[in-house]
All heavy atoms as atom14 arrays in JSON, in Angstrom:
{
  "sequence": "ANSVKGRFTISRDNAKNTVYLQMNGLKPEDTAVYYCHTVNIRSHYW",
  "atom14_mask": [
    [1, 1, 1, 1, 1, 0, 0, 0, 0, 0, 0, 0, 0, 0],
    [1, 1, 1, 1, 1, 1, 1, 1, 0, 0, 0, 0, 0, 0],
    [1, 1, 1, 1, 1, 1, 0, 0, 0, 0, 0, 0, 0, 0],
    [1, 1, 1, 1, 1, 1, 1, 0, 0, 0, 0, 0, 0, 0],
    [1, 1, 1, 1, 1, 1, 1, 1, 1, 0, 0, 0, 0, 0],
    [1, 1, 1, 1, 0, 0, 0, 0, 0, 0, 0, 0, 0, 0],
    [1, 1, 1, 1, 1, 1, 1, 1, 1, 1, 1, 0, 0, 0],
    [1, 1, 1, 1, 1, 1, 1, 1, 1, 1, 1, 0, 0, 0],
    [1, 1, 1, 1, 1, 1, 1, 0, 0, 0, 0, 0, 0, 0],
    [1, 1, 1, 1, 1, 1, 1, 1, 0, 0, 0, 0, 0, 0],
    [1, 1, 1, 1, 1, 1, 0, 0, 0, 0, 0, 0, 0, 0],
    [1, 1, 1, 1, 1, 1, 1, 1, 1, 1, 1, 0, 0, 0],
    [1, 1, 1, 1, 1, 1, 1, 1, 0, 0, 0, 0, 0, 0],
    [1, 1, 1, 1, 1, 1, 1, 1, 0, 0, 0, 0, 0, 0],
    [1, 1, 1, 1, 1, 0, 0, 0, 0, 0, 0, 0, 0, 0],
    [1, 1, 1, 1, 1, 1, 1, 1, 1, 0, 0, 0, 0, 0],
    [1, 1, 1, 1, 1, 1, 1, 1, 0, 0, 0, 0, 0, 0],
    [1, 1, 1, 1, 1, 1, 1, 0, 0, 0, 0, 0, 0, 0],
    [1, 1, 1, 1, 1, 1, 1, 0, 0, 0, 0, 0, 0, 0],
    [1, 1, 1, 1, 1, 1, 1, 1, 1, 1, 1, 1, 0, 0],
    [1, 1, 1, 1, 1, 1, 1, 1, 0, 0, 0, 0, 0, 0],
    [1, 1, 1, 1, 1, 1, 1, 1, 1, 0, 0, 0, 0, 0],
    [1, 1, 1, 1, 1, 1, 1, 1, 0, 0, 0, 0, 0, 0],
    [1, 1, 1, 1, 1, 1, 1, 1, 0, 0, 0, 0, 0, 0],
    [1, 1, 1, 1, 0, 0, 0, 0, 0, 0, 0, 0, 0, 0],
    [1, 1, 1, 1, 1, 1, 1, 1, 0, 0, 0, 0, 0, 0],
    [1, 1, 1, 1, 1, 1, 1, 1, 1, 0, 0, 0, 0, 0],
    [1, 1, 1, 1, 1, 1, 1, 0, 0, 0, 0, 0, 0, 0],
    [1, 1, 1, 1, 1, 1, 1, 1, 1, 0, 0, 0, 0, 0],
    [1, 1, 1, 1, 1, 1, 1, 1, 0, 0, 0, 0, 0, 0],
    [1, 1, 1, 1, 1, 1, 1, 0, 0, 0, 0, 0, 0, 0],
    [1, 1, 1, 1, 1, 0, 0, 0, 0, 0, 0, 0, 0, 0],
    [1, 1, 1, 1, 1, 1, 1, 0, 0, 0, 0, 0, 0, 0],
    [1, 1, 1, 1, 1, 1, 1, 1, 1, 1, 1, 1, 0, 0],
    [1, 1, 1, 1, 1, 1, 1, 1, 1, 1, 1, 1, 0, 0],
    [1, 1, 1, 1, 1, 1, 0, 0, 0, 0, 0, 0, 0, 0],
    [1, 1, 1, 1, 1, 1, 1, 1, 1, 1, 0, 0, 0, 0],
    [1, 1, 1, 1, 1, 1, 1, 0, 0, 0, 0, 0, 0, 0],
    [1, 1, 1, 1, 1, 1, 1, 0, 0, 0, 0, 0, 0, 0],
    [1, 1, 1, 1, 1, 1, 1, 1, 0, 0, 0, 0, 0, 0],
    [1, 1, 1, 1, 1, 1, 1, 1, 0, 0, 0, 0, 0, 0],
    [1, 1, 1, 1, 1, 1, 1, 1, 1, 1, 1, 0, 0, 0],
    [1, 1, 1, 1, 1, 1, 0, 0, 0, 0, 0, 0, 0, 0],
    [1, 1, 1, 1, 1, 1, 1, 1, 1, 1, 0, 0, 0, 0],
    [1, 1, 1, 1, 1, 1, 1, 1, 1, 1, 1, 1, 0, 0],
    [1, 1, 1, 1, 1, 1, 1, 1, 1, 1, 1, 1, 1, 1]
  ],
  "atom14_positions": [
    [[-83.54, 243.5, 61.49], [-84.59, 243.94, 62.37], [-83.9, 244.21, 63.74], [-83.04, 243.46, 64.12], [-85.67, 242.9, 62.45], [0.0, 0.0, 0.0], [0.0, 0.0, 0.0], [0.0, 0.0, 0.0], [0.0, 0.0, 0.0], [0.0, 0.0, 0.0], [0.0, 0.0, 0.0], [0.0, 0.0, 0.0], [0.0, 0.0, 0.0], [0.0, 0.0, 0.0]],
    [[-84.46, 245.18, 64.47], [-83.89, 245.43, 65.79], [-83.92, 244.23, 66.71], [-83.02, 244.09, 67.52], [-84.61, 246.63, 66.4], [-84.3, 247.98, 65.75], [-83.2, 248.13, 65.2], [-85.2, 248.88, 65.85], [0.0, 0.0, 0.0], [0.0, 0.0, 0.0], [0.0, 0.0, 0.0], [0.0, 0.0, 0.0], [0.0, 0.0, 0.0], [0.0, 0.0, 0.0]],
    [[-84.94, 243.46, 66.55], [-85.1, 242.3, 67.44], [-84.07, 241.25, 67.34], [-83.91, 240.39, 68.21], [-86.51, 241.68, 67.21], [-86.64, 241.24, 65.87], [0.0, 0.0, 0.0], [0.0, 0.0, 0.0], [0.0, 0.0, 0.0], [0.0, 0.0, 0.0], [0.0, 0.0, 0.0], [0.0, 0.0, 0.0], [0.0, 0.0, 0.0], [0.0, 0.0, 0.0]],
    [[-83.31, 241.24, 66.18], [-82.35, 240.19, 66.0], [-80.9, 240.76, 65.79], [-79.97, 239.99, 65.72], [-82.66, 239.32, 64.7], [-84.07, 238.79, 64.77], [-82.49, 240.13, 63.42], [0.0, 0.0, 0.0], [0.0, 0.0, 0.0], [0.0, 0.0, 0.0], [0.0, 0.0, 0.0], [0.0, 0.0, 0.0], [0.0, 0.0, 0.0], [0.0, 0.0, 0.0]],
    [[-80.82, 242.07, 65.83], [-79.52, 242.71, 65.6], [-78.55, 242.26, 66.7], [-78.9, 242.27, 67.91], [-79.71, 244.22, 65.67], [-78.58, 245.0, 64.98], [-79.02, 246.48, 64.8], [-80.11, 246.63, 63.82], [-80.45, 248.07, 63.56], [0.0, 0.0, 0.0], [0.0, 0.0, 0.0], [0.0, 0.0, 0.0], [0.0, 0.0, 0.0], [0.0, 0.0, 0.0]],
    [[-77.35, 241.89, 66.3], [-76.35, 241.45, 67.23], [-76.37, 239.95, 67.5], [-75.43, 239.42, 68.1], [0.0, 0.0, 0.0], [0.0, 0.0, 0.0], [0.0, 0.0, 0.0], [0.0, 0.0, 0.0], [0.0, 0.0, 0.0], [0.0, 0.0, 0.0], [0.0, 0.0, 0.0], [0.0, 0.0, 0.0], [0.0, 0.0, 0.0], [0.0, 0.0, 0.0]],
    [[-77.48, 239.32, 67.08], [-77.57, 237.84, 67.34], [-77.61, 237.09, 66.0], [-77.12, 235.93, 66.0], [-78.86, 237.55, 68.12], [-78.98, 238.22, 69.43], [-80.17, 237.71, 70.24], [-81.43, 238.09, 69.56], [-82.37, 237.21, 69.2], [-82.19, 235.91, 69.41], [-83.47, 237.63, 68.64], [0.0, 0.0, 0.0], [0.0, 0.0, 0.0], [0.0, 0.0, 0.0]],
    [[-78.17, 237.63, 64.95], [-78.31, 236.96, 63.71], [-77.3, 237.57, 62.68], [-77.05, 238.8, 62.77], [-79.72, 237.08, 63.1], [-80.79, 236.34, 63.84], [-80.56, 235.75, 65.1], [-82.04, 236.21, 63.33], [-81.52, 235.04, 65.77], [-83.05, 235.51, 63.93], [-82.8, 234.94, 65.19], [0.0, 0.0, 0.0], [0.0, 0.0, 0.0], [0.0, 0.0, 0.0]],
    [[-76.82, 236.74, 61.74], [-75.95, 237.25, 60.7], [-76.39, 236.65, 59.36], [-76.51, 235.41, 59.23], [-74.49, 236.84, 60.95], [-74.09, 237.3, 62.24], [-73.56, 237.35, 59.9], [0.0, 0.0, 0.0], [0.0, 0.0, 0.0], [0.0, 0.0, 0.0], [0.0, 0.0, 0.0], [0.0, 0.0, 0.0], [0.0, 0.0, 0.0], [0.0, 0.0, 0.0]],
    [[-76.65, 237.54, 58.39], [-77.0, 237.11, 57.09], [-75.76, 237.15, 56.16], [-74.92, 238.06, 56.28], [-78.18, 237.92, 56.48], [-78.66, 237.33, 55.19], [-77.77, 239.38, 56.32], [-79.93, 237.99, 54.66], [0.0, 0.0, 0.0], [0.0, 0.0, 0.0], [0.0, 0.0, 0.0], [0.0, 0.0, 0.0], [0.0, 0.0, 0.0], [0.0, 0.0, 0.0]],
    [[-75.61, 236.15, 55.28], [-74.5, 236.13, 54.37], [-74.94, 235.43, 53.09], [-75.99, 234.83, 53.02], [-73.32, 235.43, 54.99], [-73.61, 234.07, 55.26], [0.0, 0.0, 0.0], [0.0, 0.0, 0.0], [0.0, 0.0, 0.0], [0.0, 0.0, 0.0], [0.0, 0.0, 0.0], [0.0, 0.0, 0.0], [0.0, 0.0, 0.0], [0.0, 0.0, 0.0]],
    [[-74.13, 235.62, 52.02], [-74.49, 234.96, 50.77], [-73.2, 234.41, 50.12], [-72.16, 235.0, 50.26], [-75.22, 235.92, 49.85], [-74.42, 237.15, 49.43], [-75.36, 238.22, 48.81], [-75.89, 237.84, 47.56], [-76.86, 238.53, 46.92], [-77.42, 239.59, 47.48], [-77.31, 238.11, 45.75], [0.0, 0.0, 0.0], [0.0, 0.0, 0.0], [0.0, 0.0, 0.0]],
    [[-73.41, 233.33, 49.42], [-72.27, 232.68, 48.67], [-72.79, 232.55, 47.24], [-73.55, 231.57, 46.91], [-71.98, 231.32, 49.26], [-70.77, 230.68, 48.57], [-70.39, 231.11, 47.43], [-70.14, 229.75, 49.21], [0.0, 0.0, 0.0], [0.0, 0.0, 0.0], [0.0, 0.0, 0.0], [0.0, 0.0, 0.0], [0.0, 0.0, 0.0], [0.0, 0.0, 0.0]],
    [[-72.44, 233.5, 46.39], [-72.93, 233.48, 45.0], [-72.45, 232.31, 44.24], [-73.09, 231.85, 43.29], [-72.58, 234.8, 44.31], [-73.39, 235.96, 44.9], [-74.47, 235.81, 45.39], [-72.79, 237.18, 44.77], [0.0, 0.0, 0.0], [0.0, 0.0, 0.0], [0.0, 0.0, 0.0], [0.0, 0.0, 0.0], [0.0, 0.0, 0.0], [0.0, 0.0, 0.0]],
    [[-71.31, 231.75, 44.61], [-70.81, 230.6, 43.93], [-71.7, 229.35, 44.14], [-71.72, 228.44, 43.28], [-69.36, 230.27, 44.34], [0.0, 0.0, 0.0], [0.0, 0.0, 0.0], [0.0, 0.0, 0.0], [0.0, 0.0, 0.0], [0.0, 0.0, 0.0], [0.0, 0.0, 0.0], [0.0, 0.0, 0.0], [0.0, 0.0, 0.0], [0.0, 0.0, 0.0]],
    [[-72.34, 229.35, 45.26], [-73.24, 228.24, 45.59], [-74.75, 228.63, 45.42], [-75.61, 227.78, 45.69], [-72.97, 227.77, 47.03], [-71.62, 227.16, 47.25], [-71.44, 226.68, 48.69], [-70.1, 226.06, 48.88], [-69.9, 225.56, 50.29], [0.0, 0.0, 0.0], [0.0, 0.0, 0.0], [0.0, 0.0, 0.0], [0.0, 0.0, 0.0], [0.0, 0.0, 0.0]],
    [[-74.98, 229.83, 45.03], [-76.39, 230.35, 44.89], [-77.18, 230.15, 46.21], [-78.31, 229.68, 46.2], [-77.08, 229.61, 43.71], [-76.43, 229.92, 42.39], [-75.81, 230.96, 42.22], [-76.52, 229.02, 41.47], [0.0, 0.0, 0.0], [0.0, 0.0, 0.0], [0.0, 0.0, 0.0], [0.0, 0.0, 0.0], [0.0, 0.0, 0.0], [0.0, 0.0, 0.0]],
    [[-76.53, 230.5, 47.27], [-77.05, 230.21, 48.59], [-76.92, 231.45, 49.51], [-75.94, 232.17, 49.47], [-76.38, 229.04, 49.28], [-76.54, 227.87, 48.4], [-77.03, 228.71, 50.64], [0.0, 0.0, 0.0], [0.0, 0.0, 0.0], [0.0, 0.0, 0.0], [0.0, 0.0, 0.0], [0.0, 0.0, 0.0], [0.0, 0.0, 0.0], [0.0, 0.0, 0.0]],
    [[-78.0, 231.69, 50.24], [-78.01, 232.72, 51.29], [-78.14, 232.05, 52.64], [-78.94, 231.09, 52.76], [-79.14, 233.72, 51.06], [-79.19, 234.76, 52.19], [-79.02, 234.46, 49.73], [0.0, 0.0, 0.0], [0.0, 0.0, 0.0], [0.0, 0.0, 0.0], [0.0, 0.0, 0.0], [0.0, 0.0, 0.0], [0.0, 0.0, 0.0], [0.0, 0.0, 0.0]],
    [[-77.51, 232.5, 53.64], [-77.49, 231.9, 54.96], [-78.04, 232.9, 55.99], [-77.93, 234.09, 55.85], [-76.08, 231.49, 55.35], [-75.38, 230.6, 54.32], [-74.52, 231.11, 53.35], [-75.57, 229.22, 54.33], [-73.91, 230.25, 52.45], [-74.97, 228.42, 53.45], [-74.12, 228.91, 52.5], [-73.53, 228.1, 51.58], [0.0, 0.0, 0.0], [0.0, 0.0, 0.0]],
    [[-78.5, 232.32, 57.06], [-78.87, 233.07, 58.22], [-78.35, 232.34, 59.43], [-78.87, 231.29, 59.81], [-80.36, 233.25, 58.38], [-80.8, 234.19, 59.49], [-80.42, 235.61, 59.21], [-82.34, 234.17, 59.68], [0.0, 0.0, 0.0], [0.0, 0.0, 0.0], [0.0, 0.0, 0.0], [0.0, 0.0, 0.0], [0.0, 0.0, 0.0], [0.0, 0.0, 0.0]],
    [[-77.26, 232.83, 60.07], [-76.77, 232.27, 61.28], [-77.47, 232.91, 62.42], [-77.47, 234.11, 62.62], [-75.23, 232.52, 61.34], [-74.57, 232.03, 62.61], [-74.66, 230.51, 62.69], [-74.5, 229.78, 61.73], [-74.97, 230.0, 63.93], [0.0, 0.0, 0.0], [0.0, 0.0, 0.0], [0.0, 0.0, 0.0], [0.0, 0.0, 0.0], [0.0, 0.0, 0.0]],
    [[-78.07, 232.08, 63.25], [-78.84, 232.6, 64.4], [-78.21, 232.12, 65.71], [-78.14, 230.9, 65.97], [-80.26, 232.1, 64.29], [-80.96, 232.43, 62.96], [-82.68, 231.97, 62.87], [-82.58, 230.2, 63.0], [0.0, 0.0, 0.0], [0.0, 0.0, 0.0], [0.0, 0.0, 0.0], [0.0, 0.0, 0.0], [0.0, 0.0, 0.0], [0.0, 0.0, 0.0]],
    [[-77.74, 233.02, 66.52], [-77.14, 232.74, 67.78], [-77.94, 233.36, 68.9], [-78.72, 234.24, 68.67], [-75.69, 233.29, 67.85], [-74.81, 232.69, 66.75], [-74.97, 231.49, 66.45], [-73.86, 233.44, 66.28], [0.0, 0.0, 0.0], [0.0, 0.0, 0.0], [0.0, 0.0, 0.0], [0.0, 0.0, 0.0], [0.0, 0.0, 0.0], [0.0, 0.0, 0.0]],
    [[-77.79, 232.88, 70.1], [-78.52, 233.43, 71.21], [-80.02, 233.36, 71.02], [-80.72, 234.36, 71.35], [0.0, 0.0, 0.0], [0.0, 0.0, 0.0], [0.0, 0.0, 0.0], [0.0, 0.0, 0.0], [0.0, 0.0, 0.0], [0.0, 0.0, 0.0], [0.0, 0.0, 0.0], [0.0, 0.0, 0.0], [0.0, 0.0, 0.0], [0.0, 0.0, 0.0]],
    [[-80.51, 232.25, 70.56], [-81.91, 232.13, 70.23], [-82.82, 232.3, 71.44], [-82.49, 231.84, 72.53], [-82.22, 230.84, 69.47], [-81.8, 230.88, 68.02], [-81.66, 229.43, 67.45], [-82.8, 231.7, 67.13], [0.0, 0.0, 0.0], [0.0, 0.0, 0.0], [0.0, 0.0, 0.0], [0.0, 0.0, 0.0], [0.0, 0.0, 0.0], [0.0, 0.0, 0.0]],
    [[-83.97, 232.93, 71.22], [-84.93, 233.18, 72.3], [-86.28, 232.49, 71.93], [-86.53, 232.3, 70.72], [-85.16, 234.62, 72.53], [-83.87, 235.45, 72.76], [-84.2, 236.94, 72.81], [-82.94, 237.75, 73.06], [-83.22, 239.21, 73.09], [0.0, 0.0, 0.0], [0.0, 0.0, 0.0], [0.0, 0.0, 0.0], [0.0, 0.0, 0.0], [0.0, 0.0, 0.0]],
    [[-87.07, 232.17, 72.91], [-88.42, 231.58, 72.54], [-89.21, 232.47, 71.56], [-89.93, 231.91, 70.75], [-89.09, 231.44, 73.91], [-87.94, 231.3, 74.88], [-86.86, 232.19, 74.32], [0.0, 0.0, 0.0], [0.0, 0.0, 0.0], [0.0, 0.0, 0.0], [0.0, 0.0, 0.0], [0.0, 0.0, 0.0], [0.0, 0.0, 0.0], [0.0, 0.0, 0.0]],
    [[-89.06, 233.77, 71.66], [-89.82, 234.64, 70.78], [-89.3, 234.6, 69.33], [-89.85, 235.22, 68.42], [-89.77, 236.07, 71.26], [-88.41, 236.59, 71.65], [-88.2, 236.5, 73.14], [-88.44, 235.41, 73.68], [-87.58, 237.44, 73.73], [0.0, 0.0, 0.0], [0.0, 0.0, 0.0], [0.0, 0.0, 0.0], [0.0, 0.0, 0.0], [0.0, 0.0, 0.0]],
    [[-88.19, 233.88, 69.06], [-87.7, 233.68, 67.73], [-88.39, 232.49, 67.07], [-88.18, 232.28, 65.83], [-86.19, 233.34, 67.7], [-85.33, 234.54, 68.2], [-85.68, 235.71, 67.74], [-84.41, 234.33, 68.89], [0.0, 0.0, 0.0], [0.0, 0.0, 0.0], [0.0, 0.0, 0.0], [0.0, 0.0, 0.0], [0.0, 0.0, 0.0], [0.0, 0.0, 0.0]],
    [[-89.21, 231.8, 67.79], [-89.99, 230.68, 67.23], [-90.91, 231.16, 66.11], [-91.69, 232.08, 66.31], [-90.81, 229.97, 68.33], [-89.91, 229.38, 69.24], [-91.74, 228.91, 67.74], [0.0, 0.0, 0.0], [0.0, 0.0, 0.0], [0.0, 0.0, 0.0], [0.0, 0.0, 0.0], [0.0, 0.0, 0.0], [0.0, 0.0, 0.0], [0.0, 0.0, 0.0]],
    [[-90.76, 230.53, 64.94], [-91.49, 231.04, 63.76], [-91.14, 230.09, 62.56], [-90.16, 229.32, 62.64], [-91.14, 232.45, 63.44], [0.0, 0.0, 0.0], [0.0, 0.0, 0.0], [0.0, 0.0, 0.0], [0.0, 0.0, 0.0], [0.0, 0.0, 0.0], [0.0, 0.0, 0.0], [0.0, 0.0, 0.0], [0.0, 0.0, 0.0], [0.0, 0.0, 0.0]],
    [[-91.92, 230.3, 61.5], [-91.46, 229.73, 60.21], [-90.65, 230.81, 59.51], [-91.08, 231.97, 59.41], [-92.68, 229.32, 59.35], [-92.2, 228.81, 58.01], [-93.52, 228.28, 60.02], [0.0, 0.0, 0.0], [0.0, 0.0, 0.0], [0.0, 0.0, 0.0], [0.0, 0.0, 0.0], [0.0, 0.0, 0.0], [0.0, 0.0, 0.0], [0.0, 0.0, 0.0]],
    [[-89.48, 230.43, 59.08], [-88.52, 231.37, 58.45], [-88.57, 231.17, 56.91], [-88.48, 230.03, 56.44], [-87.13, 231.16, 58.95], [-87.0, 231.77, 60.36], [-87.56, 231.19, 61.45], [-86.24, 232.91, 60.54], [-87.46, 231.7, 62.74], [-86.04, 233.47, 61.82], [-86.7, 232.85, 62.9], [-86.54, 233.41, 64.15], [0.0, 0.0, 0.0], [0.0, 0.0, 0.0]],
    [[-88.76, 232.34, 56.24], [-88.94, 232.29, 54.76], [-87.74, 233.12, 54.12], [-87.38, 234.17, 54.55], [-90.24, 232.95, 54.35], [-91.48, 232.23, 54.89], [-92.04, 232.56, 56.09], [-92.0, 231.19, 54.12], [-93.2, 231.95, 56.52], [-93.17, 230.56, 54.57], [-93.75, 230.95, 55.75], [-94.87, 230.32, 56.2], [0.0, 0.0, 0.0], [0.0, 0.0, 0.0]],
    [[-87.26, 232.56, 53.01], [-86.35, 233.24, 52.17], [-87.13, 234.0, 51.1], [-88.22, 233.49, 50.65], [-85.46, 232.18, 51.52], [-84.04, 232.91, 50.53], [0.0, 0.0, 0.0], [0.0, 0.0, 0.0], [0.0, 0.0, 0.0], [0.0, 0.0, 0.0], [0.0, 0.0, 0.0], [0.0, 0.0, 0.0], [0.0, 0.0, 0.0], [0.0, 0.0, 0.0]],
    [[-86.68, 235.12, 50.71], [-87.48, 235.94, 49.73], [-86.5, 236.78, 48.9], [-85.42, 237.16, 49.26], [-88.33, 236.95, 50.54], [-88.89, 238.04, 49.77], [-88.33, 239.31, 49.71], [-90.01, 238.11, 48.98], [-89.04, 240.06, 48.91], [-90.11, 239.34, 48.48], [0.0, 0.0, 0.0], [0.0, 0.0, 0.0], [0.0, 0.0, 0.0], [0.0, 0.0, 0.0]],
    [[-86.94, 236.97, 47.62], [-86.26, 237.87, 46.75], [-87.21, 238.46, 45.73], [-88.31, 238.04, 45.64], [-85.08, 237.13, 46.0], [-84.27, 238.11, 45.37], [-85.61, 236.16, 44.95], [0.0, 0.0, 0.0], [0.0, 0.0, 0.0], [0.0, 0.0, 0.0], [0.0, 0.0, 0.0], [0.0, 0.0, 0.0], [0.0, 0.0, 0.0], [0.0, 0.0, 0.0]],
    [[-86.76, 239.46, 45.05], [-87.55, 240.13, 43.99], [-86.7, 240.11, 42.73], [-85.52, 240.42, 42.72], [-87.83, 241.57, 44.34], [-88.63, 242.24, 43.25], [-88.65, 241.68, 45.67], [0.0, 0.0, 0.0], [0.0, 0.0, 0.0], [0.0, 0.0, 0.0], [0.0, 0.0, 0.0], [0.0, 0.0, 0.0], [0.0, 0.0, 0.0], [0.0, 0.0, 0.0]],
    [[-87.32, 239.73, 41.63], [-86.71, 239.7, 40.37], [-87.63, 240.2, 39.3], [-88.73, 239.66, 39.11], [-86.22, 238.24, 40.02], [-85.4, 238.23, 38.77], [-84.49, 239.02, 38.54], [-85.73, 237.25, 37.89], [0.0, 0.0, 0.0], [0.0, 0.0, 0.0], [0.0, 0.0, 0.0], [0.0, 0.0, 0.0], [0.0, 0.0, 0.0], [0.0, 0.0, 0.0]],
    [[-87.28, 241.27, 38.61], [-88.12, 241.89, 37.61], [-89.51, 242.12, 38.17], [-90.5, 241.76, 37.6], [-88.17, 241.03, 36.33], [-86.78, 240.45, 35.91], [-88.74, 241.87, 35.17], [-86.8, 239.61, 34.68], [0.0, 0.0, 0.0], [0.0, 0.0, 0.0], [0.0, 0.0, 0.0], [0.0, 0.0, 0.0], [0.0, 0.0, 0.0], [0.0, 0.0, 0.0]],
    [[-89.49, 242.76, 39.33], [-90.7, 243.17, 40.03], [-91.61, 242.03, 40.49], [-92.71, 242.27, 40.9], [-91.48, 244.18, 39.2], [-90.73, 245.53, 39.04], [-91.49, 246.47, 38.17], [-91.53, 246.05, 36.76], [-92.12, 246.75, 35.82], [-92.74, 247.84, 36.08], [-92.11, 246.27, 34.57], [0.0, 0.0, 0.0], [0.0, 0.0, 0.0], [0.0, 0.0, 0.0]],
    [[-91.18, 240.8, 40.38], [-91.93, 239.67, 40.91], [-91.31, 239.19, 42.21], [-90.08, 239.1, 42.31], [-91.96, 238.56, 39.91], [-92.7, 238.9, 38.76], [0.0, 0.0, 0.0], [0.0, 0.0, 0.0], [0.0, 0.0, 0.0], [0.0, 0.0, 0.0], [0.0, 0.0, 0.0], [0.0, 0.0, 0.0], [0.0, 0.0, 0.0], [0.0, 0.0, 0.0]],
    [[-92.21, 238.89, 43.17], [-91.7, 238.43, 44.5], [-91.7, 236.93, 44.5], [-92.62, 236.25, 44.02], [-92.56, 238.93, 45.56], [-92.49, 240.39, 45.8], [-91.77, 240.97, 46.87], [-92.98, 241.44, 45.1], [-91.84, 242.25, 46.8], [-92.61, 242.61, 45.72], [0.0, 0.0, 0.0], [0.0, 0.0, 0.0], [0.0, 0.0, 0.0], [0.0, 0.0, 0.0]],
    [[-90.62, 236.37, 45.08], [-90.47, 234.92, 45.19], [-90.23, 234.54, 46.63], [-89.39, 235.21, 47.31], [-89.34, 234.46, 44.31], [-89.56, 234.71, 42.85], [-89.09, 235.83, 42.2], [-90.33, 233.81, 42.08], [-89.32, 236.09, 40.92], [-90.59, 234.05, 40.74], [-90.05, 235.2, 40.17], [-90.31, 235.46, 38.81], [0.0, 0.0, 0.0], [0.0, 0.0, 0.0]],
    [[-90.95, 233.49, 47.1], [-90.76, 233.0, 48.42], [-90.48, 231.49, 48.44], [-90.99, 230.78, 47.58], [-92.08, 233.25, 49.22], [-92.48, 234.65, 49.4], [-93.24, 235.4, 48.54], [-92.16, 235.51, 50.51], [-93.44, 236.66, 49.03], [-92.74, 236.76, 50.25], [-91.39, 235.29, 51.67], [-92.64, 237.87, 51.08], [-91.3, 236.4, 52.54], [-91.9, 237.65, 52.28]]
  ]
}
């Protein structure tokens, strides 16, 4: 998203079945509940 570009970095480690979100330069407007999401066989998972 434009609002996080240059500050956040997403990465994945398939060996650990883990996705990461590194968040730097955090701002008060970043305050939120953060959800992980994927789609598998047209079903959404949160």
